[in-house]
Amino acid sequence: MKKNKKTKEILKLIKIMEKLRSPTGCPWDQKQTAETLKPHILEEAYELIEAIDSGDITEIRDELGDLLLQVVFIAQIFREQRKFDLTDVAASINQKLIRRHPHVFAGESRDGHAQRWEEIKQQERLTQGKGNKLADRIPVNLPSLKQATKVAKKMGKENPTTQINKLQKYFSDLSQLIEEPATTQDEIEQTLGRIFFGTTQLANSLQLDAEDLLRKKTIQVMTEIDI
């Protein structure tokens, strides 16, 4: 696609969104806020993931469009409030990408670029008045399994055999707790929680994504059961 056609299509999308939000536009679009659109953002993101899993190029393209719409929609809402617009959003991510890739845009060495990336992110947070503790850096609204994965990555990889041995110990502990009449619900929850988190750590050490694994397995089970 030629450059002028790319620009034309993006500008057309912005104009369509402006029209939908205008007094003569769509009543549903007019009443939406950033808050009311949150469920739609999640839904479109998950539908895009499903499309990528399917390998259907047309489906991937269409779902990317649906997700892009959410970005344009929310940018238009804040534009109406005179806070920022889509150009500001693009400028923000452009600056961030350049800032976080000095080995690409500033002639720095590629050696240790992952560590440099983390240092830059930490400096950005300090500049914004935010903390750099792990609890400050991981969004509280992430799904629990995705949160656990991020924590596991920060903790670093461990020998998979060692982790499997720990998990076997946790399962043994859980089995004993279930058989013990005096066991409390909290004890069971704590031990099962260790199993969940330990499994996430094991997946990370094997360079696998626990969220993706569980999603794929759940889909497989759904297709196999007849209910």
Protein backbone atom coordinates (compact mmCIF):
# COMPACT_ATOMS: atom_id res chain seq x y z
CA MET A 1 0.00 0.00 0.00
CA LYS A 2 1.41 3.41 -0.99
CA LYS A 3 2.22 5.99 1.68
CA ASN A 4 -0.51 8.45 0.65
CA LYS A 5 -3.13 5.65 0.70
CA LYS A 6 -1.98 4.57 4.20
CA THR A 7 -2.35 8.13 5.45
CA LYS A 8 -5.74 8.46 3.74
CA GLU A 9 -7.16 5.33 5.39
CA ILE A 10 -5.98 6.33 8.89
CA LEU A 11 -7.40 9.84 8.47
CA LYS A 12 -10.66 8.33 7.18
CA LEU A 13 -10.90 6.17 10.31
CA ILE A 14 -10.40 9.23 12.52
CA LYS A 15 -13.07 11.15 10.61
CA ILE A 16 -15.52 8.24 10.88
CA MET A 17 -14.98 8.14 14.65
CA GLU A 18 -15.48 11.90 14.89
CA LYS A 19 -18.77 11.56 12.98
CA LEU A 20 -19.99 8.68 15.17
CA ARG A 21 -19.32 10.77 18.29
CA SER A 22 -20.87 13.94 16.87
CA PRO A 23 -24.39 15.22 17.76
CA THR A 24 -25.65 13.74 14.47
CA GLY A 25 -23.80 10.46 14.98
CA CYS A 26 -24.62 7.16 16.66
CA PRO A 27 -26.40 7.31 20.07
CA TRP A 28 -24.42 4.31 21.36
CA ASP A 29 -21.04 5.76 20.36
CA GLN A 30 -21.98 9.16 21.76
CA LYS A 31 -22.57 7.88 25.28
CA GLN A 32 -19.42 5.76 25.59
CA THR A 33 -16.58 6.68 27.94
CA ALA A 34 -13.11 5.28 28.50
CA GLU A 35 -14.57 3.36 31.44
CA THR A 36 -17.42 1.77 29.48
CA LEU A 37 -15.04 0.72 26.70
CA LYS A 38 -12.73 -1.29 29.00
CA PRO A 39 -14.62 -4.60 28.50
CA HIS A 40 -14.52 -4.10 24.73
CA ILE A 41 -10.75 -3.56 24.79
CA LEU A 42 -10.27 -6.89 26.56
CA GLU A 43 -12.73 -8.69 24.30
CA GLU A 44 -11.08 -7.42 21.11
CA ALA A 45 -7.60 -8.27 22.42
CA TYR A 46 -8.63 -11.86 23.17
CA GLU A 47 -10.35 -12.20 19.80
CA LEU A 48 -7.13 -11.07 18.13
CA ILE A 49 -5.20 -13.72 20.06
CA GLU A 50 -7.69 -16.34 18.88
CA ALA A 51 -7.28 -15.14 15.30
CA ILE A 52 -3.48 -15.36 15.56
CA ASP A 53 -3.82 -18.92 16.90
CA SER A 54 -6.03 -19.81 13.93
CA GLY A 55 -3.47 -18.54 11.42
CA ASP A 56 -6.28 -17.04 9.33
CA ILE A 57 -4.72 -13.91 7.77
CA THR A 58 -8.07 -12.27 6.98
CA GLU A 59 -9.27 -12.90 10.53
CA ILE A 60 -6.05 -11.46 11.98
CA ARG A 61 -6.37 -8.34 9.82
CA ASP A 62 -10.01 -7.80 10.81
CA GLU A 63 -9.36 -8.32 14.52
CA LEU A 64 -6.42 -5.91 14.39
CA GLY A 65 -8.85 -3.41 12.94
CA ASP A 66 -11.30 -3.97 15.79
CA LEU A 67 -8.53 -3.41 18.32
CA LEU A 68 -7.29 -0.33 16.47
CA LEU A 69 -10.83 1.03 16.62
CA GLN A 70 -10.69 0.95 20.42
CA VAL A 71 -7.51 3.04 20.37
CA VAL A 72 -9.01 5.58 17.96
CA PHE A 73 -12.29 5.60 19.94
CA ILE A 74 -10.64 6.39 23.27
CA ALA A 75 -8.27 8.94 21.71
CA GLN A 76 -11.33 10.73 20.26
CA ILE A 77 -13.00 10.81 23.68
CA PHE A 78 -9.96 12.51 25.22
CA ARG A 79 -9.62 14.81 22.20
CA GLU A 80 -13.14 16.07 22.90
CA GLN A 81 -12.00 16.79 26.46
CA ARG A 82 -9.04 18.75 25.01
CA LYS A 83 -6.52 16.49 26.77
CA PHE A 84 -4.80 14.68 23.88
CA ASP A 85 -5.54 13.17 20.47
CA LEU A 86 -4.36 10.26 18.34
CA THR A 87 -1.37 12.25 17.10
CA ASP A 88 -0.22 12.69 20.70
CA VAL A 89 -0.67 8.96 21.28
CA ALA A 90 1.51 8.16 18.25
CA ALA A 91 4.11 10.74 19.30
CA SER A 92 4.25 9.23 22.80
CA ILE A 93 4.93 5.70 21.60
CA ASN A 94 7.38 6.94 18.94
CA GLN A 95 9.42 8.74 21.59
CA LYS A 96 9.29 5.71 23.90
CA LEU A 97 10.48 3.30 21.20
CA ILE A 98 13.39 5.56 20.26
CA ARG A 99 14.29 6.19 23.91
CA ARG A 100 14.25 2.48 24.79
CA HIS A 101 16.32 1.41 21.77
CA PRO A 102 19.53 3.47 22.02
CA HIS A 103 21.38 0.54 20.40
CA VAL A 104 19.25 1.13 17.31
CA PHE A 105 18.68 4.91 17.22
CA ALA A 106 21.58 6.39 19.23
CA GLY A 107 24.54 4.33 18.13
CA GLU A 108 25.01 2.52 21.45
CA SER A 109 26.40 -1.01 21.58
CA ARG A 110 23.95 -3.89 21.26
CA ASP A 111 25.74 -5.68 24.10
CA GLY A 112 23.64 -5.69 27.27
CA HIS A 113 20.68 -4.02 25.54
CA ALA A 114 18.17 -5.99 27.66
CA GLN A 115 19.68 -4.62 30.86
CA ARG A 116 19.83 -1.12 29.35
CA TRP A 117 16.14 -1.44 28.41
CA GLU A 118 15.27 -2.20 32.04
CA GLU A 119 17.39 0.71 33.31
CA ILE A 120 15.64 3.10 30.93
CA LYS A 121 12.20 1.85 32.06
CA GLN A 122 13.16 2.34 35.71
CA GLN A 123 14.38 5.87 35.01
CA GLU A 124 11.12 6.64 33.20
CA ARG A 125 9.14 5.54 36.25
CA LEU A 126 11.25 7.69 38.58
CA THR A 127 10.75 10.69 36.27
CA GLN A 128 6.98 10.08 36.43
CA GLY A 129 7.11 9.89 40.23
CA LYS A 130 6.39 6.17 40.29
CA GLY A 131 8.10 3.47 42.34
CA ASN A 132 10.25 0.68 40.96
CA LYS A 133 9.32 -2.06 43.39
CA LEU A 134 7.85 -5.15 41.77
CA ALA A 135 4.40 -4.40 43.22
CA ASP A 136 4.54 -0.94 41.61
CA ARG A 137 5.48 -2.25 38.16
CA ILE A 138 2.92 -4.99 37.63
CA PRO A 139 -0.65 -3.81 36.83
CA VAL A 140 -3.18 -4.96 39.43
CA ASN A 141 -5.83 -5.54 36.75
CA LEU A 142 -3.84 -8.22 34.92
CA PRO A 143 -5.30 -11.74 35.04
CA SER A 144 -3.79 -13.61 38.00
CA LEU A 145 -1.92 -16.09 35.81
CA LYS A 146 -0.39 -13.27 33.77
CA GLN A 147 0.62 -11.49 37.00
CA ALA A 148 2.24 -14.69 38.26
CA THR A 149 4.12 -15.07 34.97
CA LYS A 150 5.55 -11.55 35.23
CA VAL A 151 6.62 -12.14 38.83
CA ALA A 152 8.20 -15.47 37.86
CA LYS A 153 10.19 -13.76 35.10
CA LYS A 154 11.51 -11.17 37.56
CA MET A 155 12.53 -13.95 39.96
CA GLY A 156 14.60 -15.57 37.23
CA LYS A 157 14.82 -19.11 35.92
CA GLU A 158 15.47 -22.07 38.18
CA ASN A 159 16.51 -25.62 37.38
CA PRO A 160 13.31 -27.32 36.09
CA THR A 161 14.12 -30.55 37.95
CA THR A 162 14.39 -28.63 41.23
CA GLN A 163 11.04 -26.98 40.53
CA ILE A 164 9.39 -30.31 39.71
CA ASN A 165 10.67 -31.71 43.00
CA LYS A 166 9.15 -28.75 44.82
CA LEU A 167 5.83 -29.28 43.06
CA GLN A 168 5.84 -32.97 43.98
CA LYS A 169 6.40 -31.95 47.62
CA TYR A 170 3.51 -29.46 47.43
CA PHE A 171 1.20 -32.13 45.98
CA SER A 172 2.22 -34.51 48.74
CA ASP A 173 1.50 -31.80 51.33
CA LEU A 174 -1.90 -31.14 49.74
CA SER A 175 -2.79 -34.82 49.76
CA GLN A 176 -1.99 -35.04 53.48
CA LEU A 177 -3.95 -31.89 54.25
CA ILE A 178 -7.04 -33.19 52.46
CA GLU A 179 -6.89 -36.41 54.50
CA GLU A 180 -6.42 -34.59 57.81
CA PRO A 181 -9.76 -33.73 59.53
CA ALA A 182 -8.25 -30.75 61.39
CA THR A 183 -7.07 -29.08 58.19
CA THR A 184 -8.38 -25.56 57.64
CA GLN A 185 -9.56 -24.12 54.33
CA ASP A 186 -6.76 -21.55 54.53
CA GLU A 187 -4.10 -24.29 54.69
CA ILE A 188 -5.53 -25.94 51.57
CA GLU A 189 -5.69 -22.61 49.74
CA GLN A 190 -2.11 -21.72 50.67
CA THR A 191 -0.76 -25.06 49.45
CA LEU A 192 -2.80 -25.05 46.25
CA GLY A 193 -1.60 -21.51 45.65
CA ARG A 194 2.01 -22.71 45.92
CA ILE A 195 1.22 -25.36 43.30
CA PHE A 196 -0.28 -22.79 40.93
CA PHE A 197 2.61 -20.37 41.31
CA GLY A 198 5.22 -23.15 41.21
CA THR A 199 3.73 -24.42 37.95
CA THR A 200 3.94 -20.91 36.51
CA GLN A 201 7.60 -20.71 37.56
CA LEU A 202 8.26 -24.06 35.89
CA ALA A 203 6.65 -22.86 32.65
CA ASN A 204 8.81 -19.73 32.74
CA SER A 205 11.98 -21.77 33.27
CA LEU A 206 11.01 -23.88 30.26
CA GLN A 207 10.52 -20.64 28.28
CA LEU A 208 6.77 -21.23 28.01
CA ASP A 209 3.89 -18.88 28.76
CA ALA A 210 1.58 -20.32 31.42
CA GLU A 211 -1.39 -18.17 30.33
CA ASP A 212 -1.07 -19.30 26.73
CA LEU A 213 -0.62 -22.95 27.73
CA LEU A 214 -3.71 -22.99 29.94
CA ARG A 215 -5.81 -21.18 27.35
CA LYS A 216 -4.87 -23.66 24.63
CA LYS A 217 -5.46 -26.64 26.93
CA THR A 218 -8.84 -25.29 28.01
CA ILE A 219 -9.88 -24.83 24.38
CA GLN A 220 -8.78 -28.41 23.67
CA VAL A 221 -10.82 -29.75 26.61
CA MET A 222 -13.88 -27.78 25.50
CA THR A 223 -13.72 -29.37 22.07
CA GLU A 224 -13.34 -32.85 23.53
CA ILE A 225 -16.16 -32.86 26.07
CA ASP A 226 -19.78 -33.29 25.06
CA ILE A 227 -21.73 -30.98 27.39
